[in-house]
Amino acid sequence: MVQTSNTEQRAGTVTSVNTSERKGTRKIPVAEGQVQVTCDFGVIGDAHADNWHRQVSFLAEESIAKAREMGLDVKAGDFAENVTTSGIDLPSIPIGTVLRVGDSEVEISQIGKVCHTRCAIYHLAGDCIFPREGIFSVVRKPGEIRVGDDIEVLTWGNGSCDATPPEALAEVEAAREAGTL
């Protein structure tokens, strides 16, 4: 990461923004290359948007490359992420970290997720990257996120986010400990 001021650090770049009309499906890269995010909701026009702790999802191009190395023909949006990134180690960012993405600000609310029903990617490869390497956030400042936008760390988190239910974190931690994530 490149230092840009006392508290801000350039951490990566947005390579794709993606939405879907229904939950449980792959997301499609937005043709205009930009999405609007709003507080207490997430990405306008996305099926996963709601007033909950997983408003905007992120996955790195580097993670998608790992899936390609397993022989999968996958691209941005195929893991149902809203924002595909490059140059940032997403799973290493602590919960509570605030990122500037475009002119919006998001707070990391969860790292990874438990898949209660296995997705098509899991059935094809016997594994899926997103439950371990995808991250989620809540919108703290509305705005636009565009392909090519820098992602900057505004403040590092302490491992907690007031929007995240404790049981959600406990579920992910239990799956990690059991080796099922």
Protein backbone atom coordinates (compact mmCIF):
# COMPACT_ATOMS: atom_id res chain seq x y z
CA MET A 1 0.00 0.00 0.00
CA VAL A 2 1.21 3.49 -0.84
CA GLN A 3 1.05 6.18 1.85
CA THR A 4 -0.94 9.23 0.66
CA SER A 5 -1.23 11.21 3.94
CA ASN A 6 -1.00 10.65 7.68
CA THR A 7 -4.16 8.52 7.80
CA GLU A 8 -4.98 7.71 4.18
CA GLN A 9 -3.29 4.93 2.24
CA ARG A 10 -3.94 3.98 -1.38
CA ALA A 11 -4.78 0.34 -1.15
CA GLY A 12 -6.07 -0.71 -4.56
CA THR A 13 -8.24 -0.04 -7.57
CA VAL A 14 -11.81 -0.85 -8.62
CA THR A 15 -11.71 -3.08 -11.72
CA SER A 16 -15.43 -3.88 -12.07
CA VAL A 17 -18.78 -2.96 -10.50
CA ASN A 18 -21.48 -5.64 -10.64
CA THR A 19 -25.16 -6.10 -9.85
CA SER A 20 -27.82 -8.79 -10.10
CA GLU A 21 -31.60 -8.67 -10.21
CA ARG A 22 -31.99 -11.81 -8.05
CA LYS A 23 -30.18 -13.31 -5.09
CA GLY A 24 -28.39 -16.59 -5.70
CA THR A 25 -27.15 -15.64 -9.16
CA ARG A 26 -23.93 -14.32 -10.59
CA LYS A 27 -23.71 -10.57 -10.88
CA ILE A 28 -23.21 -8.85 -14.24
CA PRO A 29 -20.65 -6.04 -14.73
CA VAL A 30 -22.55 -2.75 -15.06
CA ALA A 31 -22.15 -1.48 -18.64
CA GLU A 32 -21.75 2.14 -17.54
CA GLY A 33 -18.94 1.11 -15.17
CA GLN A 34 -20.46 2.88 -12.17
CA VAL A 35 -22.94 2.25 -9.38
CA GLN A 36 -24.56 4.42 -6.72
CA VAL A 37 -24.35 3.37 -3.09
CA THR A 38 -26.51 4.77 -0.34
CA CYS A 39 -26.44 4.59 3.46
CA ASP A 40 -28.47 1.88 5.18
CA PHE A 41 -29.05 0.13 1.84
CA GLY A 42 -26.02 -0.53 -0.39
CA VAL A 43 -25.84 -0.68 -4.18
CA ILE A 44 -28.91 0.81 -5.82
CA GLY A 45 -30.37 -1.73 -8.24
CA ASP A 46 -28.76 -4.80 -6.65
CA ALA A 47 -30.76 -7.72 -5.25
CA HIS A 48 -28.62 -7.91 -2.09
CA ALA A 49 -29.16 -4.26 -1.15
CA ASP A 50 -30.97 -3.90 2.16
CA ASN A 51 -30.64 -2.38 5.61
CA TRP A 52 -28.27 -5.03 6.97
CA HIS A 53 -24.53 -5.51 7.58
CA ARG A 54 -23.67 -6.92 4.13
CA GLN A 55 -24.66 -3.97 1.93
CA VAL A 56 -21.68 -3.97 -0.48
CA SER A 57 -19.50 -6.99 -1.26
CA PHE A 58 -15.91 -6.98 -2.52
CA LEU A 59 -13.64 -9.62 -4.09
CA ALA A 60 -10.13 -9.19 -5.51
CA GLU A 61 -9.08 -10.02 -9.07
CA GLU A 62 -6.26 -11.94 -7.40
CA SER A 63 -8.84 -14.24 -5.78
CA ILE A 64 -10.61 -14.76 -9.10
CA ALA A 65 -7.22 -15.70 -10.61
CA LYS A 66 -6.93 -18.47 -7.98
CA ALA A 67 -10.24 -19.90 -9.17
CA ARG A 68 -9.00 -19.76 -12.77
CA GLU A 69 -5.92 -21.72 -11.68
CA MET A 70 -8.35 -24.43 -10.47
CA GLY A 71 -9.60 -24.64 -14.06
CA LEU A 72 -12.70 -22.48 -13.76
CA ASP A 73 -13.77 -20.06 -16.48
CA VAL A 74 -14.75 -17.18 -14.19
CA LYS A 75 -14.72 -13.41 -14.37
CA ALA A 76 -15.72 -10.33 -12.39
CA GLY A 77 -19.19 -10.69 -10.87
CA ASP A 78 -19.30 -14.48 -11.09
CA PHE A 79 -18.83 -14.76 -7.30
CA ALA A 80 -21.72 -12.31 -6.74
CA GLU A 81 -19.40 -9.50 -5.62
CA ASN A 82 -20.52 -5.91 -6.15
CA VAL A 83 -17.01 -4.51 -6.43
CA THR A 84 -14.07 -6.33 -7.98
CA THR A 85 -10.69 -4.93 -6.93
CA SER A 86 -7.01 -5.18 -7.73
CA GLY A 87 -3.94 -4.53 -5.62
CA ILE A 88 -5.52 -4.86 -2.17
CA ASP A 89 -5.37 -7.85 0.19
CA LEU A 90 -9.03 -7.77 1.17
CA PRO A 91 -9.13 -10.61 3.76
CA SER A 92 -6.32 -8.97 5.74
CA ILE A 93 -8.26 -5.75 6.33
CA PRO A 94 -9.71 -5.74 9.86
CA ILE A 95 -13.41 -5.34 10.45
CA GLY A 96 -14.18 -1.71 11.24
CA THR A 97 -11.73 -0.36 8.65
CA VAL A 98 -13.17 2.59 6.73
CA LEU A 99 -12.38 2.73 3.02
CA ARG A 100 -12.91 5.53 0.54
CA VAL A 101 -14.07 3.95 -2.70
CA GLY A 102 -14.73 6.58 -5.34
CA ASP A 103 -16.51 9.37 -3.52
CA SER A 104 -18.25 6.98 -1.13
CA GLU A 105 -17.05 5.61 2.20
CA VAL A 106 -17.69 2.10 3.46
CA GLU A 107 -16.89 0.33 6.72
CA ILE A 108 -15.80 -3.32 6.63
CA SER A 109 -18.45 -5.30 8.48
CA GLN A 110 -17.62 -8.95 7.76
CA ILE A 111 -14.78 -10.98 6.26
CA GLY A 112 -15.91 -14.14 4.53
CA LYS A 113 -19.30 -15.80 4.81
CA VAL A 114 -20.88 -19.14 5.47
CA CYS A 115 -22.55 -20.58 2.38
CA HIS A 116 -25.63 -22.45 3.57
CA THR A 117 -26.35 -23.67 0.05
CA ARG A 118 -23.41 -24.41 -2.20
CA CYS A 119 -23.17 -22.24 -5.30
CA ALA A 120 -22.61 -23.39 -8.89
CA ILE A 121 -18.90 -22.58 -8.59
CA TYR A 122 -18.54 -24.86 -5.57
CA HIS A 123 -20.25 -27.70 -7.44
CA LEU A 124 -17.96 -27.22 -10.46
CA ALA A 125 -14.68 -26.99 -8.55
CA GLY A 126 -15.39 -28.55 -5.15
CA ASP A 127 -14.46 -25.20 -3.59
CA CYS A 128 -15.34 -21.52 -3.76
CA ILE A 129 -13.00 -18.62 -2.99
CA PHE A 130 -15.61 -16.07 -1.93
CA PRO A 131 -16.51 -17.53 1.50
CA ARG A 132 -12.87 -17.11 2.59
CA GLU A 133 -11.66 -14.09 0.61
CA GLY A 134 -14.72 -11.94 -0.02
CA ILE A 135 -15.52 -9.08 2.33
CA PHE A 136 -18.63 -7.07 3.11
CA SER A 137 -19.25 -3.49 4.15
CA VAL A 138 -21.88 -1.01 5.17
CA VAL A 139 -22.13 2.36 3.45
CA ARG A 140 -21.11 5.23 5.72
CA LYS A 141 -21.08 7.97 3.05
CA PRO A 142 -23.18 7.64 -0.12
CA GLY A 143 -21.72 8.23 -3.55
CA GLU A 144 -20.60 6.68 -6.81
CA ILE A 145 -18.18 3.82 -7.27
CA ARG A 146 -16.61 3.66 -10.72
CA VAL A 147 -14.25 1.34 -12.54
CA GLY A 148 -10.78 2.85 -12.15
CA ASP A 149 -11.48 4.49 -8.78
CA ASP A 150 -8.78 4.26 -6.15
CA ILE A 151 -9.54 2.47 -2.90
CA GLU A 152 -8.02 4.27 0.08
CA VAL A 153 -7.81 3.22 3.72
CA LEU A 154 -9.11 6.14 5.80
CA THR A 155 -8.93 4.46 9.21
CA TRP A 156 -7.89 0.98 10.29
CA GLY A 157 -10.48 -1.03 12.16
CA ASN A 158 -10.23 -2.62 15.58
CA GLY A 159 -12.05 -5.84 14.63
CA SER A 160 -15.58 -4.66 15.27
CA CYS A 161 -18.34 -2.84 13.41
CA ASP A 162 -21.46 -1.62 15.17
CA ALA A 163 -23.60 -2.75 12.20
CA THR A 164 -22.53 -6.40 12.41
CA PRO A 165 -24.62 -8.75 14.53
CA PRO A 166 -22.39 -10.76 16.91
CA GLU A 167 -24.03 -13.99 15.77
CA ALA A 168 -22.91 -13.34 12.17
CA LEU A 169 -19.28 -13.09 13.26
CA ALA A 170 -19.65 -16.13 15.52
CA GLU A 171 -21.03 -18.18 12.62
CA VAL A 172 -18.08 -17.30 10.36
CA GLU A 173 -15.55 -17.96 13.14
CA ALA A 174 -17.12 -21.35 13.95
CA ALA A 175 -16.93 -22.34 10.25
CA ARG A 176 -13.26 -21.29 10.11
CA GLU A 177 -12.46 -23.33 13.22
CA ALA A 178 -14.34 -26.34 11.78
CA GLY A 179 -12.49 -26.01 8.47
CA THR A 180 -15.71 -25.66 6.49
CA LEU A 181 -15.10 -22.13 5.26
